[in-house]
Amino acid sequence: MQISTLNWFPGHMQKAKRLINENLPLVDLVIELLDARIPLSSQNPLLNELIGDKPRLIVLNKADLAANVEISLKNFRDNNFSAVAVDSVNGSGIKNLISLAKSLAKPKTNKFSKHGAKPRSARAMIVGIPNVGKSSLINRLAGMNHTKIENKPGVTRAKQWIKIADGLDLLDMPGILYPKFDNPDVALKLSWIYAISDEIHDLEPTVCKLLETLAEKFPNGLIERYKIDNLPADGSEILNKISLKRGCIKKGGLIDTDKALKLVLADFRAGKLGKVFLD
């Protein structure tokens, strides 16, 4: 599969790595945003090296699209991480996120008060791979559109400070992706959520593998969405059935594979194939 050898580390991501290093001393804690559908695969191992011992809050975003969220939270907490699940679109979990962030920042912010300085807001850096919803989360926290939202990997290019009325200042950082994918399964999952651009790999094997995975683990979403009887195990066969059901047909009666591939990806990314957990 072509994506198995994928290396994708655009120049602006190298800049993001440098920005994190430069600005880490300015913040009290790091908020690491993950996709709740793939909480392990959406972690960037580079961040462990960059963040070091700085307090960290794990935030599982898009929790409304994910199954097994409570299990994921427990796993992080069992490994001594503070963790919270949120849906940045409808706002669930946001108050808990703010409360936990303030609590983790207290050892630093209390030092100012103890020495007679004016109390200041907690300062947090938000980091994560592309397309896990950083801009949507910040907009929800800030209550207005401070940042540019676009469903495209790598849209947030420069650092931005956002003042939050609840006593939390946020430093948004550009999405930083792995420089190399040693695990092809991780690369696949990142392509499914669009952390990796669709333009740089072959969509057909990627989508067929997604369909096979969903058919094995969460078949009801496919069956209900596309009204498929006798769901096959093979991804190509599932794709053909979806093409016929949804009218992805070219002139002459040929299946329009490209249209069907884009349809499946759009439905999956929008949560229309049901709640999933793919790690």
Protein backbone atom coordinates (compact mmCIF):
# COMPACT_ATOMS: atom_id res chain seq x y z
CA MET A 1 0.00 0.00 0.00
CA GLN A 2 1.45 3.33 -1.04
CA ILE A 3 0.78 5.10 2.23
CA SER A 4 2.93 2.60 4.16
CA THR A 5 6.11 4.39 3.09
CA LEU A 6 4.73 7.88 3.49
CA ASN A 7 6.99 10.63 4.80
CA TRP A 8 5.30 14.01 5.10
CA PHE A 9 6.91 16.85 7.04
CA PRO A 10 6.22 20.16 5.24
CA GLY A 11 8.42 23.15 5.95
CA HIS A 12 5.81 24.89 8.11
CA MET A 13 5.78 21.86 10.43
CA GLN A 14 9.52 22.16 10.95
CA LYS A 15 8.81 25.77 11.87
CA ALA A 16 6.09 24.61 14.28
CA LYS A 17 8.59 22.37 16.08
CA ARG A 18 10.91 25.34 16.49
CA LEU A 19 8.07 27.55 17.74
CA ILE A 20 7.10 25.02 20.39
CA ASN A 21 10.69 24.89 21.64
CA GLU A 22 10.93 28.68 21.72
CA ASN A 23 7.61 29.32 23.46
CA LEU A 24 7.43 26.46 25.93
CA PRO A 25 9.10 28.56 28.70
CA LEU A 26 6.25 31.09 28.38
CA VAL A 27 3.47 28.70 29.41
CA ASP A 28 2.43 26.92 32.61
CA LEU A 29 1.06 23.80 30.95
CA VAL A 30 0.60 22.09 27.61
CA ILE A 31 -2.82 21.02 26.34
CA GLU A 32 -2.36 18.11 23.94
CA LEU A 33 -5.36 17.69 21.68
CA LEU A 34 -6.07 14.21 20.33
CA ASP A 35 -8.79 12.70 18.16
CA ALA A 36 -10.96 10.53 20.44
CA ARG A 37 -11.45 8.03 17.61
CA ILE A 38 -7.70 7.31 17.45
CA PRO A 39 -6.29 8.66 20.74
CA LEU A 40 -3.04 6.71 20.53
CA SER A 41 -2.38 7.10 16.82
CA SER A 42 -3.07 10.86 16.98
CA GLN A 43 -0.39 11.32 19.64
CA ASN A 44 2.84 12.71 18.23
CA PRO A 45 5.89 11.04 19.81
CA LEU A 46 7.92 14.16 19.04
CA LEU A 47 5.88 16.04 21.64
CA ASN A 48 7.16 13.86 24.47
CA GLU A 49 10.65 15.01 23.64
CA LEU A 50 9.62 18.64 23.18
CA ILE A 51 7.34 19.00 26.22
CA GLY A 52 9.51 17.16 28.75
CA ASP A 53 8.31 17.59 32.35
CA LYS A 54 5.93 20.47 31.66
CA PRO A 55 2.42 19.74 33.09
CA ARG A 56 0.23 18.27 30.36
CA LEU A 57 -3.53 17.95 29.92
CA ILE A 58 -4.76 15.35 27.44
CA VAL A 59 -7.92 16.45 25.64
CA LEU A 60 -9.86 13.91 23.58
CA ASN A 61 -11.68 16.01 21.02
CA LYS A 62 -14.53 14.87 18.75
CA ALA A 63 -15.76 12.68 21.60
CA ASP A 64 -19.23 12.73 20.04
CA LEU A 65 -17.84 10.70 17.11
CA ALA A 66 -16.01 8.14 19.24
CA ALA A 67 -16.83 4.91 21.01
CA ASN A 68 -14.98 3.75 24.16
CA VAL A 69 -14.24 7.30 25.29
CA GLU A 70 -14.38 6.44 29.01
CA ILE A 71 -11.96 3.56 28.49
CA SER A 72 -9.54 5.89 26.70
CA LEU A 73 -9.75 8.45 29.50
CA LYS A 74 -9.11 5.77 32.11
CA ASN A 75 -6.04 4.54 30.22
CA PHE A 76 -4.51 8.02 30.18
CA ARG A 77 -5.35 8.64 33.83
CA ASP A 78 -3.88 5.27 34.80
CA ASN A 79 -0.65 6.52 33.21
CA ASN A 80 -0.68 9.65 35.40
CA PHE A 81 -2.07 12.07 32.80
CA SER A 82 -4.91 14.46 33.47
CA ALA A 83 -7.44 13.80 30.72
CA VAL A 84 -10.82 15.13 29.60
CA ALA A 85 -13.17 14.42 26.68
CA VAL A 86 -14.73 17.31 24.77
CA ASP A 87 -16.85 18.08 21.76
CA SER A 88 -15.69 21.48 20.61
CA VAL A 89 -18.67 21.81 18.26
CA ASN A 90 -21.44 21.59 20.86
CA GLY A 91 -19.32 22.61 23.85
CA SER A 92 -19.56 19.51 26.01
CA GLY A 93 -16.62 19.05 28.38
CA ILE A 94 -15.33 22.61 27.95
CA LYS A 95 -15.95 23.72 31.56
CA ASN A 96 -14.14 20.64 32.82
CA LEU A 97 -11.22 21.37 30.49
CA ILE A 98 -10.88 24.93 31.82
CA SER A 99 -11.07 23.75 35.42
CA LEU A 100 -8.39 21.09 34.91
CA ALA A 101 -6.12 23.50 33.04
CA LYS A 102 -6.30 26.05 35.84
CA SER A 103 -5.63 23.36 38.42
CA LEU A 104 -2.54 22.10 36.59
CA ALA A 105 -1.24 25.68 36.26
CA LYS A 106 -1.72 26.56 39.95
CA PRO A 107 1.81 25.66 41.11
CA LYS A 108 3.12 28.29 38.68
CA THR A 109 0.44 30.97 39.06
CA ASN A 110 0.48 30.71 42.85
CA LYS A 111 4.14 31.72 42.91
CA PHE A 112 3.20 35.18 41.65
CA SER A 113 0.59 35.71 44.38
CA LYS A 114 2.89 34.45 47.13
CA HIS A 115 5.48 37.05 46.21
CA GLY A 116 2.96 39.88 46.15
CA ALA A 117 2.71 40.10 42.38
CA LYS A 118 -0.56 40.75 40.61
CA PRO A 119 -2.38 37.46 39.92
CA ARG A 120 -2.34 36.47 36.28
CA SER A 121 -4.24 34.03 34.12
CA ALA A 122 -2.99 30.52 33.61
CA ARG A 123 -1.05 30.22 30.37
CA ALA A 124 -1.44 27.13 28.23
CA MET A 125 -0.03 26.03 24.90
CA ILE A 126 -2.36 23.97 22.71
CA VAL A 127 -0.58 21.43 20.53
CA GLY A 128 -1.61 18.50 18.36
CA ILE A 129 -1.33 16.98 14.94
CA PRO A 130 -3.22 18.64 12.05
CA ASN A 131 -7.00 18.40 11.88
CA VAL A 132 -7.74 17.26 15.43
CA GLY A 133 -9.83 20.42 15.92
CA LYS A 134 -7.52 22.94 17.58
CA SER A 135 -9.09 25.97 15.93
CA SER A 136 -12.63 24.80 16.69
CA LEU A 137 -11.71 24.22 20.33
CA ILE A 138 -10.10 27.63 20.71
CA ASN A 139 -13.07 29.32 19.09
CA ARG A 140 -15.37 27.54 21.54
CA LEU A 141 -13.20 28.60 24.48
CA ALA A 142 -12.92 32.18 23.29
CA GLY A 143 -16.58 32.48 22.27
CA MET A 144 -15.76 34.01 18.91
CA ASN A 145 -13.91 33.21 15.72
CA HIS A 146 -10.37 34.29 16.57
CA THR A 147 -8.74 31.65 14.40
CA LYS A 148 -9.18 30.52 10.85
CA ILE A 149 -11.08 27.23 10.64
CA GLU A 150 -10.69 25.09 7.56
CA ASN A 151 -10.93 21.34 7.23
CA LYS A 152 -7.50 21.07 5.70
CA PRO A 153 -4.28 19.79 7.28
CA GLY A 154 -1.88 22.52 8.34
CA VAL A 155 -4.10 25.59 8.06
CA THR A 156 -2.96 27.16 11.35
CA ARG A 157 0.53 28.34 10.40
CA ALA A 158 1.56 30.95 13.00
CA LYS A 159 1.39 31.14 16.77
CA GLN A 160 -1.58 33.03 18.21
CA TRP A 161 -2.31 34.18 21.80
CA ILE A 162 -6.01 34.13 22.67
CA LYS A 163 -7.32 35.74 25.86
CA ILE A 164 -10.00 33.65 27.58
CA ALA A 165 -12.37 35.44 29.96
CA ASP A 166 -12.30 32.53 32.41
CA GLY A 167 -8.71 33.25 33.45
CA LEU A 168 -6.95 31.14 30.85
CA ASP A 169 -4.65 32.45 28.14
CA LEU A 170 -4.09 30.10 25.22
CA LEU A 171 -1.18 29.89 22.83
CA ASP A 172 -2.25 28.07 19.69
CA MET A 173 0.52 26.36 17.76
CA PRO A 174 0.51 25.08 14.18
CA GLY A 175 -0.18 21.37 13.81
CA ILE A 176 2.97 19.29 13.96
CA LEU A 177 3.02 15.89 12.31
CA TYR A 178 5.52 13.05 12.50
CA PRO A 179 8.60 13.48 10.26
CA LYS A 180 8.41 9.75 9.45
CA PHE A 181 5.77 7.05 9.78
CA ASP A 182 7.40 3.84 11.02
CA ASN A 183 4.01 2.19 11.54
CA PRO A 184 1.88 1.94 8.37
CA ASP A 185 -1.28 1.36 10.46
CA VAL A 186 -0.78 4.72 12.17
CA ALA A 187 -0.30 6.42 8.79
CA LEU A 188 -3.56 4.88 7.59
CA LYS A 189 -5.53 6.10 10.60
CA LEU A 190 -4.10 9.61 10.27
CA SER A 191 -5.13 9.66 6.61
CA TRP A 192 -8.67 8.61 7.58
CA ILE A 193 -9.11 11.64 9.83
CA TYR A 194 -7.38 13.91 7.26
CA ALA A 195 -4.31 14.65 9.37
CA ILE A 196 -2.50 13.66 6.18
CA SER A 197 -3.64 15.34 3.00
CA ASP A 198 -5.65 13.22 0.56
CA GLU A 199 -3.61 14.68 -2.27
CA ILE A 200 -0.36 12.87 -1.42
CA HIS A 201 -1.41 9.22 -1.38
CA ASP A 202 -3.60 6.74 -3.24
CA LEU A 203 -7.13 7.02 -1.87
CA GLU A 204 -8.49 3.69 -3.08
CA PRO A 205 -6.43 1.31 -0.89
CA THR A 206 -6.77 3.74 2.01
CA VAL A 207 -10.57 3.87 1.82
CA CYS A 208 -10.92 0.14 1.16
CA LYS A 209 -8.94 -0.57 4.31
CA LEU A 210 -11.17 1.84 6.23
CA LEU A 211 -14.27 0.04 4.94
CA GLU A 212 -12.83 -3.35 5.90
CA THR A 213 -12.02 -2.07 9.39
CA LEU A 214 -15.49 -0.61 9.87
CA ALA A 215 -17.14 -3.74 8.50
CA GLU A 216 -15.26 -5.83 11.06
CA LYS A 217 -15.58 -3.58 14.13
CA PHE A 218 -18.54 -1.22 13.57
CA PRO A 219 -20.65 -2.65 10.73
CA ASN A 220 -23.95 -1.07 11.79
CA GLY A 221 -22.84 2.40 10.71
CA LEU A 222 -22.17 1.21 7.15
CA ILE A 223 -25.35 -0.83 6.99
CA GLU A 224 -27.56 1.99 8.24
CA ARG A 225 -25.93 4.75 6.21
CA TYR A 226 -25.81 2.94 2.86
CA LYS A 227 -28.66 0.43 3.31
CA ILE A 228 -26.40 -2.48 2.44
CA ASP A 229 -27.63 -6.04 2.88
CA ASN A 230 -25.09 -8.85 3.37
CA LEU A 231 -22.14 -6.57 4.07
CA PRO A 232 -19.00 -8.07 2.44
CA ALA A 233 -15.66 -8.29 4.26
CA ASP A 234 -13.66 -7.04 1.26
CA GLY A 235 -13.27 -3.27 1.01
CA SER A 236 -13.46 -3.16 -2.79
CA GLU A 237 -16.74 -5.05 -2.75
CA ILE A 238 -18.16 -2.74 -0.10
CA LEU A 239 -17.09 0.27 -2.15
CA ASN A 240 -18.84 -1.13 -5.23
CA LYS A 241 -22.05 -1.67 -3.28
CA ILE A 242 -21.89 1.90 -1.93
CA SER A 243 -21.28 3.22 -5.46
CA LEU A 244 -24.40 1.49 -6.74
CA LYS A 245 -26.53 2.53 -3.76
CA ARG A 246 -25.49 6.17 -4.01
CA GLY A 247 -25.49 6.50 -7.78
CA CYS A 248 -21.75 6.92 -8.21
CA ILE A 249 -21.98 5.89 -11.84
CA LYS A 250 -20.33 7.36 -14.93
CA LYS A 251 -21.81 7.51 -18.40
CA GLY A 252 -21.90 4.06 -19.86
CA GLY A 253 -22.73 2.46 -16.54
CA LEU A 254 -19.18 2.37 -15.19
CA ILE A 255 -18.66 2.86 -11.47
CA ASP A 256 -17.31 6.31 -10.57
CA THR A 257 -14.71 5.15 -8.06
CA ASP A 258 -13.31 8.62 -7.34
CA LYS A 259 -16.75 9.95 -6.42
CA ALA A 260 -17.44 6.97 -4.18
CA LEU A 261 -14.07 7.29 -2.40
CA LYS A 262 -14.67 10.95 -1.60
CA LEU A 263 -18.23 10.20 -0.47
CA VAL A 264 -17.08 7.55 2.03
CA LEU A 265 -14.31 9.76 3.43
CA ALA A 266 -16.67 12.72 3.81
CA ASP A 267 -19.25 10.57 5.59
CA PHE A 268 -16.69 9.03 7.92
CA ARG A 269 -15.07 12.35 8.84
CA ALA A 270 -18.47 13.90 9.53
CA GLY A 271 -19.43 11.05 11.86
CA LYS A 272 -22.18 9.77 9.59
CA LEU A 273 -20.96 6.17 9.86
CA GLY A 274 -21.61 5.98 13.58
CA LYS A 275 -19.36 6.18 16.63
CA VAL A 276 -16.06 4.37 16.13
CA PHE A 277 -12.85 3.54 17.96
CA LEU A 278 -10.01 2.53 15.67
CA ASP A 279 -6.93 2.18 17.91
